[in-house]
């Protein structure tokens, strides 16, 4: 059964659920009388609030995981770039050593 709440009822329910996320039977009965709503409709609103809270928490966790993945991806990219740079430096040093060896060979042959 779907209940359409008036803006006043919604406002009062939201205030009540901010004060106590899980109002007890007495609090629900008082709200029922104050808002002219059956008590089971107040429980439905409570369930809706819980569902919304869980959905918000799930969204927060998903956003956090996405950010962590982005950071991990960036770190992996940086590591690969460093590996490429290290490999290039190693190749340059090897070329320098080869050049020096060739020069030494030339000096030996000339000398």
PDB file of N, CA and C in Angstrom:
ATOM      1  N   UNK A   1       0.838  -1.178   0.000  1.00  0.00           N
ATOM      2  CA  UNK A   1       0.000   0.000   0.000  1.00  0.00           C
ATOM      3  C   UNK A   1       0.888   1.248   0.000  1.00  0.00           C
ATOM      4  N   UNK A   2       0.608   2.146  -0.881  1.00  0.00           N
ATOM      5  CA  UNK A   2       1.380   3.373  -0.990  1.00  0.00           C
ATOM      6  C   UNK A   2       0.650   4.474  -0.239  1.00  0.00           C
ATOM      7  N   UNK A   3       1.411   5.176   0.586  1.00  0.00           N
ATOM      8  CA  UNK A   3       0.845   6.306   1.316  1.00  0.00           C
ATOM      9  C   UNK A   3       1.426   7.584   0.741  1.00  0.00           C
ATOM     10  N   UNK A   4       0.556   8.526   0.456  1.00  0.00           N
ATOM     11  CA  UNK A   4       1.019   9.827   0.003  1.00  0.00           C
ATOM     12  C   UNK A   4       0.962  10.747   1.217  1.00  0.00           C
ATOM     13  N   UNK A   5       2.138  11.205   1.613  1.00  0.00           N
ATOM     14  CA  UNK A   5       2.236  12.066   2.779  1.00  0.00           C
ATOM     15  C   UNK A   5       2.080  13.522   2.367  1.00  0.00           C
ATOM     16  N   UNK A   6       1.467  14.293   3.243  1.00  0.00           N
ATOM     17  CA  UNK A   6       1.421  15.738   3.004  1.00  0.00           C
ATOM     18  C   UNK A   6       2.798  16.305   3.318  1.00  0.00           C
ATOM     19  N   UNK A   7       3.035  17.525   2.863  1.00  0.00           N
ATOM     20  CA  UNK A   7       4.338  18.133   3.141  1.00  0.00           C
ATOM     21  C   UNK A   7       4.545  18.299   4.643  1.00  0.00           C
ATOM     22  N   UNK A   8       3.466  18.624   5.365  1.00  0.00           N
ATOM     23  CA  UNK A   8       3.568  18.752   6.827  1.00  0.00           C
ATOM     24  C   UNK A   8       3.939  17.408   7.452  1.00  0.00           C
ATOM     25  N   UNK A   9       3.278  16.341   7.022  1.00  0.00           N
ATOM     26  CA  UNK A   9       3.572  15.015   7.570  1.00  0.00           C
ATOM     27  C   UNK A   9       5.016  14.614   7.279  1.00  0.00           C
ATOM     28  N   UNK A  10       5.442  14.856   6.045  1.00  0.00           N
ATOM     29  CA  UNK A  10       6.826  14.531   5.690  1.00  0.00           C
ATOM     30  C   UNK A  10       7.821  15.303   6.546  1.00  0.00           C
ATOM     31  N   UNK A  11       7.554  16.569   6.713  1.00  0.00           N
ATOM     32  CA  UNK A  11       8.448  17.418   7.508  1.00  0.00           C
ATOM     33  C   UNK A  11       8.529  16.901   8.946  1.00  0.00           C
ATOM     34  N   UNK A  12       7.383  16.585   9.527  1.00  0.00           N
ATOM     35  CA  UNK A  12       7.356  16.099  10.908  1.00  0.00           C
ATOM     36  C   UNK A  12       8.004  14.719  11.035  1.00  0.00           C
ATOM     37  N   UNK A  13       7.778  13.874  10.047  1.00  0.00           N
ATOM     38  CA  UNK A  13       8.408  12.547  10.071  1.00  0.00           C
ATOM     39  C   UNK A  13       9.919  12.668   9.957  1.00  0.00           C
ATOM     40  N   UNK A  14      10.382  13.542   9.068  1.00  0.00           N
ATOM     41  CA  UNK A  14      11.820  13.723   8.906  1.00  0.00           C
ATOM     42  C   UNK A  14      12.451  14.257  10.184  1.00  0.00           C
ATOM     43  N   UNK A  15      11.758  15.194  10.844  1.00  0.00           N
ATOM     44  CA  UNK A  15      12.265  15.698  12.131  1.00  0.00           C
ATOM     45  C   UNK A  15      12.361  14.555  13.143  1.00  0.00           C
ATOM     46  N   UNK A  16      11.310  13.766  13.205  1.00  0.00           N
ATOM     47  CA  UNK A  16      11.276  12.665  14.176  1.00  0.00           C
ATOM     48  C   UNK A  16      12.387  11.657  13.904  1.00  0.00           C
ATOM     49  N   UNK A  17      12.624  11.343  12.628  1.00  0.00           N
ATOM     50  CA  UNK A  17      13.639  10.350  12.302  1.00  0.00           C
ATOM     51  C   UNK A  17      15.051  10.910  12.418  1.00  0.00           C
ATOM     52  N   UNK A  18      15.182  12.232  12.352  1.00  0.00           N
ATOM     53  CA  UNK A  18      16.499  12.821  12.620  1.00  0.00           C
ATOM     54  C   UNK A  18      16.835  12.694  14.092  1.00  0.00           C
ATOM     55  N   UNK A  19      15.831  12.908  14.919  1.00  0.00           N
ATOM     56  CA  UNK A  19      16.043  12.814  16.367  1.00  0.00           C
ATOM     57  C   UNK A  19      16.305  11.379  16.803  1.00  0.00           C
ATOM     58  N   UNK A  20      15.546  10.465  16.267  1.00  0.00           N
ATOM     59  CA  UNK A  20      15.709   9.042  16.614  1.00  0.00           C
ATOM     60  C   UNK A  20      15.547   8.243  15.326  1.00  0.00           C
ATOM     61  N   UNK A  21      16.654   7.675  14.865  1.00  0.00           N
ATOM     62  CA  UNK A  21      16.601   6.932  13.599  1.00  0.00           C
ATOM     63  C   UNK A  21      15.618   5.766  13.651  1.00  0.00           C
ATOM     64  N   UNK A  22      15.460   5.181  14.840  1.00  0.00           N
ATOM     65  CA  UNK A  22      14.560   4.040  15.006  1.00  0.00           C
ATOM     66  C   UNK A  22      13.616   4.320  16.176  1.00  0.00           C
ATOM     67  N   UNK A  23      12.549   5.117  15.922  1.00  0.00           N
ATOM     68  CA  UNK A  23      11.636   5.463  17.016  1.00  0.00           C
ATOM     69  C   UNK A  23      10.967   4.218  17.591  1.00  0.00           C
ATOM     70  N   UNK A  24      10.793   4.235  18.898  1.00  0.00           N
ATOM     71  CA  UNK A  24      10.140   3.100  19.549  1.00  0.00           C
ATOM     72  C   UNK A  24       8.627   3.165  19.325  1.00  0.00           C
ATOM     73  N   UNK A  25       7.933   2.157  19.842  1.00  0.00           N
ATOM     74  CA  UNK A  25       6.487   2.052  19.635  1.00  0.00           C
ATOM     75  C   UNK A  25       5.776   3.297  20.167  1.00  0.00           C
ATOM     76  N   UNK A  26       6.187   3.738  21.333  1.00  0.00           N
ATOM     77  CA  UNK A  26       5.545   4.910  21.929  1.00  0.00           C
ATOM     78  C   UNK A  26       5.701   6.141  21.020  1.00  0.00           C
ATOM     79  N   UNK A  27       6.913   6.373  20.521  1.00  0.00           N
ATOM     80  CA  UNK A  27       7.167   7.523  19.655  1.00  0.00           C
ATOM     81  C   UNK A  27       6.357   7.413  18.366  1.00  0.00           C
ATOM     82  N   UNK A  28       6.264   6.206  17.812  1.00  0.00           N
ATOM     83  CA  UNK A  28       5.476   6.018  16.584  1.00  0.00           C
ATOM     84  C   UNK A  28       3.992   6.271  16.838  1.00  0.00           C
ATOM     85  N   UNK A  29       3.498   5.828  18.003  1.00  0.00           N
ATOM     86  CA  UNK A  29       2.097   6.070  18.342  1.00  0.00           C
ATOM     87  C   UNK A  29       1.822   7.566  18.491  1.00  0.00           C
ATOM     88  N   UNK A  30       2.757   8.285  19.113  1.00  0.00           N
ATOM     89  CA  UNK A  30       2.584   9.728  19.279  1.00  0.00           C
ATOM     90  C   UNK A  30       2.569  10.415  17.903  1.00  0.00           C
ATOM     91  N   UNK A  31       3.480   9.991  17.027  1.00  0.00           N
ATOM     92  CA  UNK A  31       3.487  10.550  15.676  1.00  0.00           C
ATOM     93  C   UNK A  31       2.193  10.217  14.938  1.00  0.00           C
ATOM     94  N   UNK A  32       1.718   9.016  15.122  1.00  0.00           N
ATOM     95  CA  UNK A  32       0.489   8.577  14.481  1.00  0.00           C
ATOM     96  C   UNK A  32      -0.672   9.482  14.870  1.00  0.00           C
ATOM     97  N   UNK A  33      -0.779   9.768  16.145  1.00  0.00           N
ATOM     98  CA  UNK A  33      -1.847  10.643  16.622  1.00  0.00           C
ATOM     99  C   UNK A  33      -1.651  12.071  16.133  1.00  0.00           C
ATOM    100  N   UNK A  34      -0.417  12.566  16.220  1.00  0.00           N
ATOM    101  CA  UNK A  34      -0.116  13.944  15.845  1.00  0.00           C
ATOM    102  C   UNK A  34      -0.369  14.184  14.353  1.00  0.00           C
ATOM    103  N   UNK A  35       0.007  13.196  13.534  1.00  0.00           N
ATOM    104  CA  UNK A  35      -0.046  13.380  12.075  1.00  0.00           C
ATOM    105  C   UNK A  35      -1.284  12.768  11.437  1.00  0.00           C
ATOM    106  N   UNK A  36      -2.116  12.145  12.267  1.00  0.00           N
ATOM    107  CA  UNK A  36      -3.323  11.508  11.762  1.00  0.00           C
ATOM    108  C   UNK A  36      -2.982  10.462  10.695  1.00  0.00           C
ATOM    109  N   UNK A  37      -2.023   9.624  11.051  1.00  0.00           N
ATOM    110  CA  UNK A  37      -1.590   8.538  10.171  1.00  0.00           C
ATOM    111  C   UNK A  37      -1.662   7.225  10.936  1.00  0.00           C
ATOM    112  N   UNK A  38      -1.979   6.132  10.232  1.00  0.00           N
ATOM    113  CA  UNK A  38      -1.897   4.837  10.911  1.00  0.00           C
ATOM    114  C   UNK A  38      -0.437   4.557  11.299  1.00  0.00           C
ATOM    115  N   UNK A  39      -0.251   3.917  12.434  1.00  0.00           N
ATOM    116  CA  UNK A  39       1.109   3.662  12.938  1.00  0.00           C
ATOM    117  C   UNK A  39       1.932   2.816  11.962  1.00  0.00           C
ATOM    118  N   UNK A  40       1.291   1.889  11.241  1.00  0.00           N
ATOM    119  CA  UNK A  40       2.044   1.065  10.293  1.00  0.00           C
ATOM    120  C   UNK A  40       2.588   1.897   9.129  1.00  0.00           C
ATOM    121  N   UNK A  41       1.969   3.029   8.797  1.00  0.00           N
ATOM    122  CA  UNK A  41       2.487   3.919   7.753  1.00  0.00           C
ATOM    123  C   UNK A  41       3.756   4.622   8.242  1.00  0.00           C
ATOM    124  N   UNK A  42       3.813   4.881   9.517  1.00  0.00           N
ATOM    125  CA  UNK A  42       5.016   5.488  10.087  1.00  0.00           C
ATOM    126  C   UNK A  42       6.154   4.484  10.036  1.00  0.00           C
ATOM    127  N   UNK A  43       5.824   3.216  10.279  1.00  0.00           N
ATOM    128  CA  UNK A  43       6.850   2.182  10.163  1.00  0.00           C
ATOM    129  C   UNK A  43       7.343   2.075   8.733  1.00  0.00           C
ATOM    130  N   UNK A  44       6.450   2.224   7.763  1.00  0.00           N
ATOM    131  CA  UNK A  44       6.850   2.191   6.362  1.00  0.00           C
ATOM    132  C   UNK A  44       7.818   3.327   6.057  1.00  0.00           C
ATOM    133  N   UNK A  45       7.513   4.494   6.597  1.00  0.00           N
ATOM    134  CA  UNK A  45       8.407   5.632   6.395  1.00  0.00           C
ATOM    135  C   UNK A  45       9.766   5.326   7.008  1.00  0.00           C
ATOM    136  N   UNK A  46       9.754   4.677   8.177  1.00  0.00           N
ATOM    137  CA  UNK A  46      11.005   4.303   8.843  1.00  0.00           C
ATOM    138  C   UNK A  46      11.801   3.348   7.945  1.00  0.00           C
ATOM    139  N   UNK A  47      11.131   2.390   7.352  1.00  0.00           N
ATOM    140  CA  UNK A  47      11.812   1.443   6.458  1.00  0.00           C
ATOM    141  C   UNK A  47      12.394   2.173   5.245  1.00  0.00           C
ATOM    142  N   UNK A  48      11.620   3.113   4.698  1.00  0.00           N
ATOM    143  CA  UNK A  48      12.109   3.885   3.555  1.00  0.00           C
ATOM    144  C   UNK A  48      13.368   4.661   3.939  1.00  0.00           C
ATOM    145  N   UNK A  49      13.364   5.235   5.138  1.00  0.00           N
ATOM    146  CA  UNK A  49      14.534   5.979   5.615  1.00  0.00           C
ATOM    147  C   UNK A  49      15.747   5.062   5.709  1.00  0.00           C
ATOM    148  N   UNK A  50      15.532   3.849   6.226  1.00  0.00           N
ATOM    149  CA  UNK A  50      16.637   2.897   6.353  1.00  0.00           C
ATOM    150  C   UNK A  50      17.189   2.527   4.982  1.00  0.00           C
ATOM    151  N   UNK A  51      16.299   2.295   4.024  1.00  0.00           N
ATOM    152  CA  UNK A  51      16.718   1.939   2.668  1.00  0.00           C
ATOM    153  C   UNK A  51      17.530   3.077   2.060  1.00  0.00           C
ATOM    154  N   UNK A  52      17.053   4.301   2.223  1.00  0.00           N
ATOM    155  CA  UNK A  52      17.775   5.455   1.685  1.00  0.00           C
ATOM    156  C   UNK A  52      19.158   5.571   2.322  1.00  0.00           C
ATOM    157  N   UNK A  53      19.231   5.338   3.633  1.00  0.00           N
ATOM    158  CA  UNK A  53      20.507   5.418   4.337  1.00  0.00           C
ATOM    159  C   UNK A  53      21.492   4.373   3.807  1.00  0.00           C
ATOM    160  N   UNK A  54      20.993   3.165   3.608  1.00  0.00           N
ATOM    161  CA  UNK A  54      21.849   2.091   3.080  1.00  0.00           C
ATOM    162  C   UNK A  54      22.303   2.431   1.663  1.00  0.00           C
ATOM    163  N   UNK A  55      21.396   2.932   0.838  1.00  0.00           N
ATOM    164  CA  UNK A  55      21.758   3.291  -0.533  1.00  0.00           C
ATOM    165  C   UNK A  55      22.829   4.380  -0.552  1.00  0.00           C
ATOM    166  N   UNK A  56      22.697   5.358   0.337  1.00  0.00           N
ATOM    167  CA  UNK A  56      23.705   6.418   0.412  1.00  0.00           C
ATOM    168  C   UNK A  56      25.054   5.846   0.826  1.00  0.00           C
ATOM    169  N   UNK A  57      25.042   4.938   1.786  1.00  0.00           N
ATOM    170  CA  UNK A  57      26.293   4.322   2.224  1.00  0.00           C
ATOM    171  C   UNK A  57      26.932   3.525   1.093  1.00  0.00           C
ATOM    172  N   UNK A  58      26.118   2.813   0.338  1.00  0.00           N
ATOM    173  CA  UNK A  58      26.634   2.033  -0.792  1.00  0.00           C
ATOM    174  C   UNK A  58      27.263   2.967  -1.821  1.00  0.00           C
ATOM    175  N   UNK A  59      26.592   4.078  -2.107  1.00  0.00           N
ATOM    176  CA  UNK A  59      27.137   5.045  -3.069  1.00  0.00           C
ATOM    177  C   UNK A  59      28.479   5.592  -2.589  1.00  0.00           C
ATOM    178  N   UNK A  60      28.574   5.907  -1.300  1.00  0.00           N
ATOM    179  CA  UNK A  60      29.821   6.424  -0.750  1.00  0.00           C
ATOM    180  C   UNK A  60      30.946   5.402  -0.895  1.00  0.00           C
ATOM    181  N   UNK A  61      30.634   4.154  -0.598  1.00  0.00           N
ATOM    182  CA  UNK A  61      31.644   3.097  -0.709  1.00  0.00           C
ATOM    183  C   UNK A  61      32.077   2.932  -2.161  1.00  0.00           C
ATOM    184  N   UNK A  62      31.119   2.946  -3.079  1.00  0.00           N
ATOM    185  CA  UNK A  62      31.448   2.800  -4.497  1.00  0.00           C
ATOM    186  C   UNK A  62      32.321   3.954  -4.984  1.00  0.00           C
ATOM    187  N   UNK A  63      31.994   5.174  -4.560  1.00  0.00           N
ATOM    188  CA  UNK A  63      32.806   6.333  -4.946  1.00  0.00           C
ATOM    189  C   UNK A  63      34.219   6.207  -4.398  1.00  0.00           C
ATOM    190  N   UNK A  64      34.329   5.757  -3.165  1.00  0.00           N
ATOM    191  CA  UNK A  64      35.643   5.585  -2.541  1.00  0.00           C
ATOM    192  C   UNK A  64      36.454   4.533  -3.305  1.00  0.00           C
ATOM    193  N   UNK A  65      35.804   3.433  -3.658  1.00  0.00           N
ATOM    194  CA  UNK A  65      36.488   2.371  -4.400  1.00  0.00           C
ATOM    195  C   UNK A  65      36.944   2.878  -5.766  1.00  0.00           C
ATOM    196  N   UNK A  66      36.101   3.673  -6.433  1.00  0.00           N
ATOM    197  CA  UNK A  66      36.482   4.228  -7.732  1.00  0.00           C
ATOM    198  C   UNK A  66      37.717   5.115  -7.608  1.00  0.00           C
ATOM    199  N   UNK A  67      37.734   5.956  -6.578  1.00  0.00           N
ATOM    200  CA  UNK A  67      38.883   6.832  -6.363  1.00  0.00           C
ATOM    201  C   UNK A  67      40.137   6.015  -6.082  1.00  0.00           C
ATOM    202  N   UNK A  68      39.994   4.962  -5.270  1.00  0.00           N
ATOM    203  CA  UNK A  68      41.149   4.111  -4.977  1.00  0.00           C
ATOM    204  C   UNK A  68      41.666   3.442  -6.244  1.00  0.00           C
ATOM    205  N   UNK A  69      40.750   2.996  -7.105  1.00  0.00           N
ATOM    206  CA  UNK A  69      41.154   2.373  -8.363  1.00  0.00           C
ATOM    207  C   UNK A  69      41.892   3.374  -9.247  1.00  0.00           C
ATOM    208  N   UNK A  70      41.389   4.604  -9.282  1.00  0.00           N
ATOM    209  CA  UNK A  70      42.055   5.633 -10.075  1.00  0.00           C
ATOM    210  C   UNK A  70      43.467   5.878  -9.567  1.00  0.00           C
ATOM    211  N   UNK A  71      43.614   5.927  -8.252  1.00  0.00           N
ATOM    212  CA  UNK A  71      44.935   6.138  -7.651  1.00  0.00           C
ATOM    213  C   UNK A  71      45.845   4.966  -7.995  1.00  0.00           C
ATOM    214  N   UNK A  72      45.327   3.747  -7.868  1.00  0.00           N
ATOM    215  CA  UNK A  72      46.119   2.559  -8.196  1.00  0.00           C
ATOM    216  C   UNK A  72      46.536   2.570  -9.661  1.00  0.00           C
ATOM    217  N   UNK A  73      45.596   2.931 -10.550  1.00  0.00           N
ATOM    218  CA  UNK A  73      45.909   2.991 -11.976  1.00  0.00           C
ATOM    219  C   UNK A  73      47.009   4.022 -12.242  1.00  0.00           C
ATOM    220  N   UNK A  74      46.915   5.156 -11.585  1.00  0.00           N
ATOM    221  CA  UNK A  74      47.917   6.212 -11.755  1.00  0.00           C
ATOM    222  C   UNK A  74      49.277   5.735 -11.246  1.00  0.00           C
ATOM    223  N   UNK A  75      49.268   5.048 -10.113  1.00  0.00           N
ATOM    224  CA  UNK A  75      50.526   4.537  -9.559  1.00  0.00           C
ATOM    225  C   UNK A  75      51.149   3.507 -10.499  1.00  0.00           C
ATOM    226  N   UNK A  76      50.311   2.630 -11.064  1.00  0.00           N
ATOM    227  CA  UNK A  76      50.816   1.634 -12.009  1.00  0.00           C
ATOM    228  C   UNK A  76      51.417   2.313 -13.237  1.00  0.00           C
ATOM    229  N   UNK A  77      50.740   3.341 -13.717  1.00  0.00           N
ATOM    230  CA  UNK A  77      51.224   4.077 -14.881  1.00  0.00           C
ATOM    231  C   UNK A  77      52.582   4.706 -14.581  1.00  0.00           C
ATOM    232  N   UNK A  78      52.698   5.319 -13.398  1.00  0.00           N
ATOM    233  CA  UNK A  78      53.960   5.943 -13.007  1.00  0.00           C
ATOM    234  C   UNK A  78      55.077   4.906 -12.890  1.00  0.00           C
ATOM    235  N   UNK A  79      54.755   3.746 -12.322  1.00  0.00           N
ATOM    236  CA  UNK A  79      55.750   2.675 -12.199  1.00  0.00           C
ATOM    237  C   UNK A  79      56.233   2.227 -13.570  1.00  0.00           C
ATOM    238  N   UNK A  80      55.320   2.073 -14.523  1.00  0.00           N
ATOM    239  CA  UNK A  80      55.701   1.653 -15.873  1.00  0.00           C
ATOM    240  C   UNK A  80      56.578   2.708 -16.538  1.00  0.00           C
ATOM    241  N   UNK A  81      56.211   3.975 -16.332  1.00  0.00           N
ATOM    242  CA  UNK A  81      57.018   5.052 -16.909  1.00  0.00           C
ATOM    243  C   UNK A  81      58.431   5.037 -16.316  1.00  0.00           C
ATOM    244  N   UNK A  82      58.520   4.805 -15.009  1.00  0.00           N
ATOM    245  CA  UNK A  82      59.829   4.739 -14.359  1.00  0.00           C
ATOM    246  C   UNK A  82      60.639   3.561 -14.899  1.00  0.00           C
ATOM    247  N   UNK A  83      59.969   2.428 -15.121  1.00  0.00           N
ATOM    248  CA  UNK A  83      60.659   1.258 -15.663  1.00  0.00           C
ATOM    249  C   UNK A  83      61.210   1.566 -17.058  1.00  0.00           C
ATOM    250  N   UNK A  84      60.416   2.244 -17.871  1.00  0.00           N
ATOM    251  CA  UNK A  84      60.852   2.601 -19.224  1.00  0.00           C
ATOM    252  C   UNK A  84      62.053   3.546 -19.137  1.00  0.00           C
ATOM    253  N   UNK A  85      61.970   4.532 -18.249  1.00  0.00           N
ATOM    254  CA  UNK A  85      63.078   5.473 -18.082  1.00  0.00           C
ATOM    255  C   UNK A  85      64.335   4.744 -17.605  1.00  0.00           C
ATOM    256  N   UNK A  86      64.173   3.840 -16.646  1.00  0.00           N
ATOM    257  CA  UNK A  86      65.312   3.078 -16.147  1.00  0.00           C
ATOM    258  C   UNK A  86      65.944   2.245 -17.269  1.00  0.00           C
ATOM    259  N   UNK A  87      65.111   1.640 -18.085  1.00  0.00           N
ATOM    260  CA  UNK A  87      65.598   0.821 -19.187  1.00  0.00           C
ATOM    261  C   UNK A  87      66.352   1.689 -20.203  1.00  0.00           C
ATOM    262  N   UNK A  88      65.808   2.879 -20.478  1.00  0.00           N
ATOM    263  CA  UNK A  88      66.474   3.786 -21.414  1.00  0.00           C
ATOM    264  C   UNK A  88      67.832   4.223 -20.864  1.00  0.00           C
ATOM    265  N   UNK A  89      67.888   4.533 -19.561  1.00  0.00           N
ATOM    266  CA  UNK A  89      69.157   4.921 -18.932  1.00  0.00           C
ATOM    267  C   UNK A  89      70.161   3.772 -19.013  1.00  0.00           C
ATOM    268  N   UNK A  90      69.685   2.580 -18.772  1.00  0.00           N
ATOM    269  CA  UNK A  90      70.561   1.408 -18.826  1.00  0.00           C
ATOM    270  C   UNK A  90      71.127   1.234 -20.235  1.00  0.00           C
ATOM    271  N   UNK A  91      70.273   1.388 -21.241  1.00  0.00           N
ATOM    272  CA  UNK A  91      70.724   1.267 -22.627  1.00  0.00           C
ATOM    273  C   UNK A  91      71.749   2.345 -22.972  1.00  0.00           C
ATOM    274  N   UNK A  92      71.520   3.572 -22.502  1.00  0.00           N
ATOM    275  CA  UNK A  92      72.459   4.665 -22.754  1.00  0.00           C
ATOM    276  C   UNK A  92      73.818   4.360 -22.123  1.00  0.00           C
ATOM    277  N   UNK A  93      73.819   3.854 -20.918  1.00  0.00           N
ATOM    278  CA  UNK A  93      75.078   3.524 -20.240  1.00  0.00           C
ATOM    279  C   UNK A  93      75.810   2.410 -20.977  1.00  0.00           C
ATOM    280  N   UNK A  94      75.044   1.430 -21.431  1.00  0.00           N
ATOM    281  CA  UNK A  94      75.661   0.332 -22.178  1.00  0.00           C
ATOM    282  C   UNK A  94      76.291   0.854 -23.464  1.00  0.00           C
ATOM    283  N   UNK A  95      75.597   1.783 -24.127  1.00  0.00           N
ATOM    284  CA  UNK A  95      76.142   2.371 -25.349  1.00  0.00           C
ATOM    285  C   UNK A  95      77.413   3.155 -25.046  1.00  0.00           C
ATOM    286  N   UNK A  96      77.437   3.895 -23.938  1.00  0.00           N
ATOM    287  CA  UNK A  96      78.623   4.656 -23.543  1.00  0.00           C
ATOM    288  C   UNK A  96      79.796   3.723 -23.275  1.00  0.00           C
ATOM    289  N   UNK A  97      79.510   2.621 -22.595  1.00  0.00           N
ATOM    290  CA  UNK A  97      80.568   1.653 -22.304  1.00  0.00           C
ATOM    291  C   UNK A  97      81.093   1.063 -23.610  1.00  0.00           C
ATOM    292  N   UNK A  98      80.195   0.721 -24.518  1.00  0.00           N
ATOM    293  CA  UNK A  98      80.618   0.171 -25.812  1.00  0.00           C
ATOM    294  C   UNK A  98      81.466   1.186 -26.578  1.00  0.00           C
ATOM    295  N   UNK A  99      81.055   2.449 -26.573  1.00  0.00           N
ATOM    296  CA  UNK A  99      81.812   3.501 -27.255  1.00  0.00           C
ATOM    297  C   UNK A  99      83.216   3.616 -26.648  1.00  0.00           C
ATOM    298  N   UNK A 100      83.309   3.595 -25.335  1.00  0.00           N
ATOM    299  CA  UNK A 100      84.613   3.688 -24.671  1.00  0.00           C
ATOM    300  C   UNK A 100      85.483   2.490 -25.019  1.00  0.00           C
ATOM    301  N   UNK A 101      84.869   1.313 -25.064  1.00  0.00           N
ATOM    302  CA  UNK A 101      85.629   0.112 -25.414  1.00  0.00           C
ATOM    303  C   UNK A 101      86.147   0.208 -26.849  1.00  0.00           C
ATOM    304  N   UNK A 102      85.308   0.721 -27.739  1.00  0.00           N
ATOM    305  CA  UNK A 102      85.736   0.879 -29.131  1.00  0.00           C
ATOM    306  C   UNK A 102      86.900   1.866 -29.227  1.00  0.00           C
ATOM    307  N   UNK A 103      86.824   2.953 -28.471  1.00  0.00           N
ATOM    308  CA  UNK A 103      87.908   3.935 -28.474  1.00  0.00           C
ATOM    309  C   UNK A 103      89.192   3.311 -27.939  1.00  0.00           C
ATOM    310  N   UNK A 104      89.089   2.530 -26.891  1.00  0.00           N
ATOM    311  CA  UNK A 104      90.267   1.868 -26.337  1.00  0.00           C
ATOM    312  C   UNK A 104      90.865   0.901 -27.352  1.00  0.00           C
ATOM    313  N   UNK A 105      89.991   0.208 -28.069  1.00  0.00           N
ATOM    314  CA  UNK A 105      90.454  -0.715 -29.112  1.00  0.00           C
ATOM    315  C   UNK A 105      91.205   0.055 -30.193  1.00  0.00           C
ATOM    316  N   UNK A 106      90.649   1.199 -30.584  1.00  0.00           N
ATOM    317  CA  UNK A 106      91.290   2.022 -31.618  1.00  0.00           C
ATOM    318  C   UNK A 106      92.650   2.521 -31.139  1.00  0.00           C
ATOM    319  N   UNK A 107      92.720   2.912 -29.868  1.00  0.00           N
ATOM    320  CA  UNK A 107      93.994   3.400 -29.328  1.00  0.00           C
ATOM    321  C   UNK A 107      95.010   2.265 -29.331  1.00  0.00           C
ATOM    322  N   UNK A 108      94.595   1.064 -28.976  1.00  0.00           N
ATOM    323  CA  UNK A 108      95.500  -0.089 -28.960  1.00  0.00           C
ATOM    324  C   UNK A 108      95.990  -0.399 -30.370  1.00  0.00           C
ATOM    325  N   UNK A 109      95.063  -0.355 -31.338  1.00  0.00           N
ATOM    326  CA  UNK A 109      95.416  -0.660 -32.710  1.00  0.00           C
ATOM    327  C   UNK A 109      96.342   0.415 -33.263  1.00  0.00           C
ATOM    328  N   UNK A 110      96.076   1.675 -32.972  1.00  0.00           N
ATOM    329  CA  UNK A 110      96.889   2.783 -33.454  1.00  0.00           C
ATOM    330  C   UNK A 110      98.249   2.805 -32.747  1.00  0.00           C
ATOM    331  N   UNK A 111      98.265   2.391 -31.509  1.00  0.00           N
ATOM    332  CA  UNK A 111      99.459   2.551 -30.716  1.00  0.00           C
ATOM    333  C   UNK A 111     100.433   1.467 -30.873  1.00  0.00           C
TER     334      UNK A 111
END
